[in-house]
Amino acid sequence: MIRRTYGKWLFLMVVCFTVFLMFQYTSQDIEHLDTLQTDNTLPRLQPFKTEASQVSVMDSCMEIKLDNNNKADIQISSLVEELDFHLDHGGHNQTSFPDLQPLPNSQNLRVFLIPHSHCDPGWLETYTKYYENKVRYILSWLYIFAMEHSDFKFIYAEVSFFKLWWEEQDVDVRLDMRRLAQEGRFEFVQGGWVQNDEANTHYFAIFNQMLDGHDWLKKNIPEAMPKSGWAIDPFGLSPTMGYVNKLFGLTGMHIQRVHYAVKNHLAQTKNLDFRWRQSWDSEGTTDMLTHLGPFVSYGQQHSCGPDPDVCCMFNFMDMRNG
């Protein structure tokens, strides 16, 4: 009986002490929160405003910044209410922008073509089979072709695949790849372990896989560290990605999969290049230079212009055989 009573009192003492600690830590957190709220150097949360100076634009978490004042010029949340998503916006069709006109002979476009291979670490095949059947040969051909052609450049995104290839190479090949990166002829974009999903992905998972990829690059081929974000295949884009990219030191990003109604609108208003701002940012500290690919896909037959016949002339795999 004495032992049971002693145990009961001990249990009550532990509970009371735990409640006391929780009260102490909660009080400290409230004081810290008050300090943050009065710190003018930190961005403040604010609701969206509908003002004449703002062009209404997709997700209530996305703002687009076009000029140098502190107000966002485009809000995606409003644009989606204005657009007709039931119309046929062209998709793969070359007539997606029917009012495109050829440039006068006196004007020239400066076009940059950079070979890239998009490699999913798991889709129709497993991660291992993709590497053994496809990726190993892509990266090996990249190395051989780059060593034979001094003007050849290549970008790559998925560190998880590159790590497998790297571990199969001898010291000489690794040094060659580092030299190519140092010369600006080989570069990683995004640099995550994978090209992560965004729409339904927790920010911790995004941050963690980015950390894994960047950490591996810094230890093995630091010359190829990414400067640009690269999200050509995630089905759904999140503004969190732009913020994470900023934290990892990236200075710009390329995105692709956006509904064609939005793409058409931004193309017509010449706003496919913009600075993506977080909805809670009133100072512009999170602005990320962003380019949205104007056409439906990232493949060479759709990405270089409105005419797939012209784009297919730049299939680097075919050029290798020709």
Protein backbone atom coordinates (compact mmCIF):
# COMPACT_ATOMS: atom_id res chain seq x y z
CA MET A 1 0.00 0.00 0.00
CA ILE A 2 2.85 2.35 0.85
CA ARG A 3 4.62 1.55 -2.42
CA ARG A 4 1.49 2.25 -4.48
CA THR A 5 0.94 5.62 -2.72
CA TYR A 6 4.58 6.58 -3.25
CA GLY A 7 4.35 5.76 -6.97
CA LYS A 8 1.17 7.79 -7.35
CA TRP A 9 2.75 10.88 -5.75
CA LEU A 10 5.85 10.49 -7.87
CA PHE A 11 3.70 10.34 -11.02
CA LEU A 12 1.82 13.50 -10.00
CA MET A 13 5.10 15.32 -9.33
CA VAL A 14 6.42 14.42 -12.80
CA VAL A 15 3.20 15.62 -14.45
CA CYS A 16 3.26 18.92 -12.57
CA PHE A 17 6.91 19.50 -13.41
CA THR A 18 6.23 18.78 -17.11
CA VAL A 19 3.34 21.25 -17.17
CA PHE A 20 5.58 23.86 -15.53
CA LEU A 21 8.28 23.39 -18.19
CA MET A 22 5.72 23.63 -21.00
CA PHE A 23 4.44 26.91 -19.55
CA GLN A 24 7.98 28.29 -19.31
CA TYR A 25 8.92 27.38 -22.91
CA THR A 26 5.59 28.67 -24.25
CA SER A 27 6.15 31.99 -22.51
CA GLN A 28 9.63 32.24 -24.02
CA ASP A 29 8.28 31.45 -27.51
CA ILE A 30 5.64 34.19 -27.19
CA GLU A 31 8.29 36.71 -26.15
CA HIS A 32 10.48 35.64 -29.11
CA LEU A 33 7.52 35.96 -31.49
CA ASP A 34 6.84 39.49 -30.22
CA THR A 35 10.48 40.34 -30.92
CA LEU A 36 10.22 39.03 -34.51
CA GLN A 37 7.03 40.98 -35.12
CA THR A 38 8.70 44.25 -34.16
CA ASP A 39 11.84 43.57 -36.26
CA ASN A 40 11.50 45.76 -39.35
CA THR A 41 14.19 43.82 -41.21
CA LEU A 42 11.96 40.73 -41.56
CA PRO A 43 9.25 40.41 -44.22
CA ARG A 44 5.69 40.78 -43.00
CA LEU A 45 2.72 38.66 -43.93
CA GLN A 46 0.02 40.56 -45.76
CA PRO A 47 -3.14 39.57 -47.63
CA PHE A 48 -3.50 40.02 -51.37
CA LYS A 49 -4.79 43.38 -52.44
CA THR A 50 -6.68 44.22 -55.61
CA GLU A 51 -5.37 47.52 -56.81
CA ALA A 52 -5.40 49.28 -60.16
CA SER A 53 -1.63 49.00 -60.38
CA GLN A 54 -1.79 45.20 -60.15
CA VAL A 55 -2.64 42.92 -63.04
CA SER A 56 -4.80 40.13 -61.77
CA VAL A 57 -2.77 36.38 -62.65
CA MET A 58 -2.65 31.07 -61.09
CA ASP A 59 -2.25 30.16 -57.60
CA SER A 60 -3.01 32.40 -54.64
CA CYS A 61 0.56 31.80 -53.51
CA MET A 62 2.14 33.17 -56.67
CA GLU A 63 2.92 36.75 -57.52
CA ILE A 64 4.88 37.98 -60.50
CA LYS A 65 7.05 41.05 -60.26
CA LEU A 66 7.82 43.05 -63.41
CA ASP A 67 9.19 46.42 -62.32
CA ASN A 68 11.26 47.92 -59.52
CA ASN A 69 8.56 49.07 -57.10
CA ASN A 70 7.55 46.91 -54.16
CA LYS A 71 4.12 45.91 -55.50
CA ALA A 72 3.63 42.78 -57.54
CA ASP A 73 2.30 43.48 -61.02
CA ILE A 74 0.60 40.14 -61.62
CA GLN A 75 -1.31 37.85 -59.28
CA ILE A 76 -2.01 34.40 -60.64
CA SER A 77 -4.96 33.88 -58.27
CA SER A 78 -6.94 36.53 -60.11
CA LEU A 79 -5.87 35.66 -63.63
CA VAL A 80 -7.31 32.15 -63.42
CA GLU A 81 -10.72 33.68 -62.81
CA GLU A 82 -10.43 35.71 -66.01
CA LEU A 83 -9.14 33.06 -68.41
CA ASP A 84 -11.30 30.56 -70.29
CA PHE A 85 -9.70 27.16 -69.65
CA HIS A 86 -12.25 25.39 -71.86
CA LEU A 87 -10.89 26.88 -75.08
CA ASP A 88 -8.52 24.96 -77.35
CA HIS A 89 -5.22 26.69 -76.71
CA GLY A 90 -3.22 24.69 -79.21
CA GLY A 91 -1.17 22.35 -77.08
CA HIS A 92 1.43 20.71 -79.30
CA ASN A 93 -0.02 22.43 -82.35
CA GLN A 94 2.27 24.91 -84.07
CA THR A 95 -0.69 27.31 -84.38
CA SER A 96 -0.77 27.84 -80.63
CA PHE A 97 0.03 31.49 -81.25
CA PRO A 98 -1.87 32.17 -84.47
CA ASP A 99 -1.03 35.86 -84.58
CA LEU A 100 2.75 35.32 -84.62
CA GLN A 101 4.37 37.30 -87.40
CA PRO A 102 7.82 36.75 -88.94
CA LEU A 103 10.49 39.25 -88.02
CA PRO A 104 11.49 41.80 -90.64
CA ASN A 105 14.70 40.91 -92.47
CA SER A 106 16.49 43.69 -90.62
CA GLN A 107 15.89 42.02 -87.25
CA ASN A 108 17.64 38.90 -86.06
CA LEU A 109 17.08 36.66 -83.08
CA ARG A 110 20.01 35.45 -81.02
CA VAL A 111 19.28 31.80 -80.29
CA PHE A 112 21.10 29.65 -77.72
CA LEU A 113 20.99 25.87 -78.13
CA ILE A 114 22.25 23.88 -75.16
CA PRO A 115 22.03 20.06 -75.20
CA HIS A 116 20.20 18.56 -72.26
CA SER A 117 18.74 15.15 -71.48
CA HIS A 118 15.83 14.83 -69.09
CA CYS A 119 16.19 11.61 -67.09
CA ASP A 120 13.47 10.52 -64.66
CA PRO A 121 14.85 8.49 -61.72
CA GLY A 122 11.74 6.34 -61.92
CA TRP A 123 8.74 6.44 -64.25
CA LEU A 124 8.03 3.62 -66.74
CA GLU A 125 11.09 1.74 -65.49
CA THR A 126 12.86 1.53 -62.16
CA TYR A 127 15.69 3.84 -61.19
CA THR A 128 18.27 1.08 -61.75
CA LYS A 129 16.88 -0.06 -65.09
CA TYR A 130 16.73 3.49 -66.40
CA TYR A 131 20.38 3.89 -65.58
CA GLU A 132 21.50 0.56 -67.00
CA ASN A 133 19.44 0.80 -70.20
CA LYS A 134 19.63 4.52 -70.99
CA VAL A 135 21.36 6.96 -68.68
CA ARG A 136 24.74 5.23 -68.61
CA TYR A 137 24.99 5.59 -72.42
CA ILE A 138 23.72 9.18 -72.42
CA LEU A 139 26.41 10.34 -69.99
CA SER A 140 29.15 8.28 -71.62
CA TRP A 141 28.32 9.71 -75.04
CA LEU A 142 28.26 13.19 -73.51
CA TYR A 143 31.79 12.70 -72.24
CA ILE A 144 33.13 11.28 -75.52
CA PHE A 145 31.49 13.94 -77.68
CA ALA A 146 32.63 16.77 -75.41
CA MET A 147 36.22 15.54 -75.53
CA GLU A 148 36.10 15.45 -79.35
CA HIS A 149 34.35 18.82 -79.86
CA SER A 150 35.77 21.82 -78.02
CA ASP A 151 32.65 23.93 -78.67
CA PHE A 152 30.21 21.38 -77.23
CA LYS A 153 28.32 22.27 -74.04
CA PHE A 154 25.88 20.23 -71.98
CA ILE A 155 23.67 20.69 -68.90
CA TYR A 156 22.38 17.98 -66.62
CA ALA A 157 20.03 17.95 -63.63
CA GLU A 158 19.68 14.63 -61.76
CA VAL A 159 22.54 14.05 -59.32
CA SER A 160 21.23 10.60 -58.36
CA PHE A 161 21.94 9.26 -61.87
CA PHE A 162 25.20 11.15 -62.30
CA LYS A 163 26.52 9.67 -59.05
CA LEU A 164 26.07 6.13 -60.43
CA TRP A 165 27.94 7.03 -63.61
CA TRP A 166 30.68 8.87 -61.71
CA GLU A 167 31.41 5.86 -59.52
CA GLU A 168 32.06 3.75 -62.63
CA GLN A 169 34.68 6.14 -64.04
CA ASP A 170 38.41 6.17 -63.43
CA VAL A 171 40.40 9.14 -62.16
CA ASP A 172 41.22 10.46 -65.63
CA VAL A 173 37.58 10.66 -66.72
CA ARG A 174 36.64 12.38 -63.48
CA LEU A 175 39.38 14.95 -63.95
CA ASP A 176 38.24 15.53 -67.53
CA MET A 177 34.69 16.16 -66.36
CA ARG A 178 35.90 18.62 -63.75
CA ARG A 179 37.92 20.41 -66.42
CA LEU A 180 34.88 20.59 -68.71
CA ALA A 181 32.90 22.11 -65.86
CA GLN A 182 35.67 24.59 -65.11
CA GLU A 183 35.67 25.68 -68.76
CA GLY A 184 31.92 26.25 -68.64
CA ARG A 185 31.17 23.38 -71.01
CA PHE A 186 29.40 21.17 -68.47
CA GLU A 187 27.05 22.46 -65.82
CA PHE A 188 24.44 21.16 -63.45
CA VAL A 189 21.07 22.88 -63.34
CA GLN A 190 18.96 22.67 -60.17
CA GLY A 191 21.38 20.12 -58.72
CA GLY A 192 18.88 18.21 -56.62
CA TRP A 193 19.09 14.49 -56.01
CA VAL A 194 16.07 14.32 -58.32
CA GLN A 195 13.85 16.83 -60.12
CA ASN A 196 11.32 16.83 -57.32
CA ASP A 197 7.56 17.07 -57.49
CA GLU A 198 6.21 20.36 -56.18
CA ALA A 199 2.41 20.48 -56.04
CA ASN A 200 1.90 17.96 -53.21
CA THR A 201 5.39 17.79 -51.73
CA HIS A 202 6.29 18.94 -48.21
CA TYR A 203 8.93 21.65 -48.11
CA PHE A 204 11.16 19.50 -45.89
CA ALA A 205 11.34 16.78 -48.56
CA ILE A 206 12.17 19.39 -51.22
CA PHE A 207 14.87 20.93 -49.07
CA ASN A 208 16.33 17.58 -48.06
CA GLN A 209 16.75 16.22 -51.60
CA MET A 210 18.27 19.54 -52.73
CA LEU A 211 20.71 19.34 -49.84
CA ASP A 212 21.69 15.78 -50.78
CA GLY A 213 22.35 16.74 -54.39
CA HIS A 214 24.29 19.93 -53.68
CA ASP A 215 26.32 18.26 -50.97
CA TRP A 216 27.39 15.48 -53.35
CA LEU A 217 28.35 17.98 -56.05
CA LYS A 218 30.43 20.07 -53.66
CA LYS A 219 32.37 17.00 -52.57
CA ASN A 220 32.95 15.49 -56.02
CA ILE A 221 32.67 18.06 -58.83
CA PRO A 222 32.35 21.53 -57.28
CA GLU A 223 33.14 23.18 -60.60
CA ALA A 224 29.70 22.13 -61.88
CA MET A 225 27.66 23.63 -59.04
CA PRO A 226 24.33 24.94 -60.39
CA LYS A 227 23.51 28.60 -60.80
CA SER A 228 20.04 28.10 -62.28
CA GLY A 229 16.91 26.22 -61.25
CA TRP A 230 15.39 23.73 -63.67
CA ALA A 231 11.82 22.44 -63.37
CA ILE A 232 10.74 21.26 -66.82
CA ASP A 233 8.69 18.21 -65.85
CA PRO A 234 7.01 18.54 -62.43
CA PHE A 235 3.25 18.39 -62.88
CA GLY A 236 2.31 21.47 -60.91
CA LEU A 237 4.59 24.23 -59.71
CA SER A 238 4.95 25.64 -56.22
CA PRO A 239 6.26 29.09 -55.23
CA THR A 240 8.10 27.26 -52.43
CA MET A 241 10.55 26.01 -55.07
CA GLY A 242 11.59 29.53 -55.98
CA TYR A 243 12.18 30.32 -52.32
CA VAL A 244 14.21 27.13 -51.76
CA ASN A 245 16.26 27.86 -54.89
CA LYS A 246 17.04 31.30 -53.51
CA LEU A 247 18.21 29.78 -50.22
CA PHE A 248 20.55 27.46 -52.17
CA GLY A 249 22.15 30.40 -53.99
CA LEU A 250 20.52 29.95 -57.40
CA THR A 251 20.02 33.18 -59.33
CA GLY A 252 17.34 32.17 -61.83
CA MET A 253 15.05 29.31 -62.79
CA HIS A 254 13.37 27.79 -65.84
CA ILE A 255 9.88 26.30 -65.48
CA GLN A 256 7.73 24.49 -68.02
CA ARG A 257 4.47 22.73 -67.10
CA VAL A 258 1.87 25.48 -66.76
CA HIS A 259 -1.65 25.39 -68.24
CA TYR A 260 -1.64 26.56 -71.82
CA ALA A 261 -4.26 29.25 -71.15
CA VAL A 262 -1.84 30.91 -68.73
CA LYS A 263 1.09 30.48 -71.12
CA ASN A 264 -0.86 32.04 -73.97
CA HIS A 265 -1.81 35.02 -71.84
CA LEU A 266 1.72 35.64 -70.59
CA ALA A 267 3.10 35.22 -74.10
CA GLN A 268 0.65 37.72 -75.56
CA THR A 269 1.53 40.26 -72.89
CA LYS A 270 5.27 39.47 -73.23
CA ASN A 271 5.54 38.37 -69.61
CA LEU A 272 7.09 34.91 -69.98
CA ASP A 273 10.17 36.33 -68.27
CA PHE A 274 9.45 37.66 -64.79
CA ARG A 275 10.62 37.84 -61.21
CA TRP A 276 8.66 35.37 -59.07
CA ARG A 277 7.85 36.78 -55.65
CA GLN A 278 6.54 35.05 -52.54
CA SER A 279 3.03 36.16 -51.59
CA TRP A 280 4.15 37.18 -48.10
CA ASP A 281 7.07 39.29 -49.33
CA SER A 282 6.43 43.04 -49.40
CA GLU A 283 10.08 44.06 -49.93
CA GLY A 284 11.13 41.98 -52.95
CA THR A 285 13.81 40.05 -51.07
CA THR A 286 12.54 36.73 -52.45
CA ASP A 287 12.31 37.76 -56.11
CA MET A 288 13.58 34.99 -58.39
CA LEU A 289 14.30 35.62 -62.07
CA THR A 290 12.13 33.09 -63.92
CA HIS A 291 11.61 32.03 -67.53
CA LEU A 292 8.49 30.10 -68.47
CA GLY A 293 8.83 27.89 -71.55
CA PRO A 294 6.13 29.10 -73.98
CA PHE A 295 5.18 25.76 -75.52
CA VAL A 296 3.61 22.64 -74.09
CA SER A 297 6.66 20.40 -73.76
CA TYR A 298 10.40 20.52 -73.19
CA GLY A 299 11.33 18.12 -76.02
CA GLN A 300 13.31 19.50 -78.93
CA GLN A 301 10.32 19.22 -81.28
CA HIS A 302 8.35 21.73 -79.19
CA SER A 303 10.77 23.85 -77.23
CA CYS A 304 12.76 25.90 -79.74
CA GLY A 305 9.87 27.61 -81.53
CA PRO A 306 6.36 27.30 -82.96
CA ASP A 307 7.40 25.09 -85.89
CA PRO A 308 8.29 21.49 -84.86
CA ASP A 309 9.92 20.83 -88.25
CA VAL A 310 12.56 23.45 -87.50
CA CYS A 311 13.03 22.29 -83.93
CA CYS A 312 13.66 18.68 -84.97
CA MET A 313 16.68 19.84 -86.95
CA PHE A 314 18.40 20.31 -83.60
CA ASN A 315 18.02 16.80 -82.23
CA PHE A 316 21.56 16.23 -80.98
CA MET A 317 21.20 12.47 -81.08
CA ASP A 318 20.50 12.63 -84.82
CA MET A 319 23.29 15.17 -85.31
CA ARG A 320 25.70 12.66 -83.78
CA ASN A 321 24.94 10.22 -86.59
CA GLY A 322 24.98 12.89 -89.29
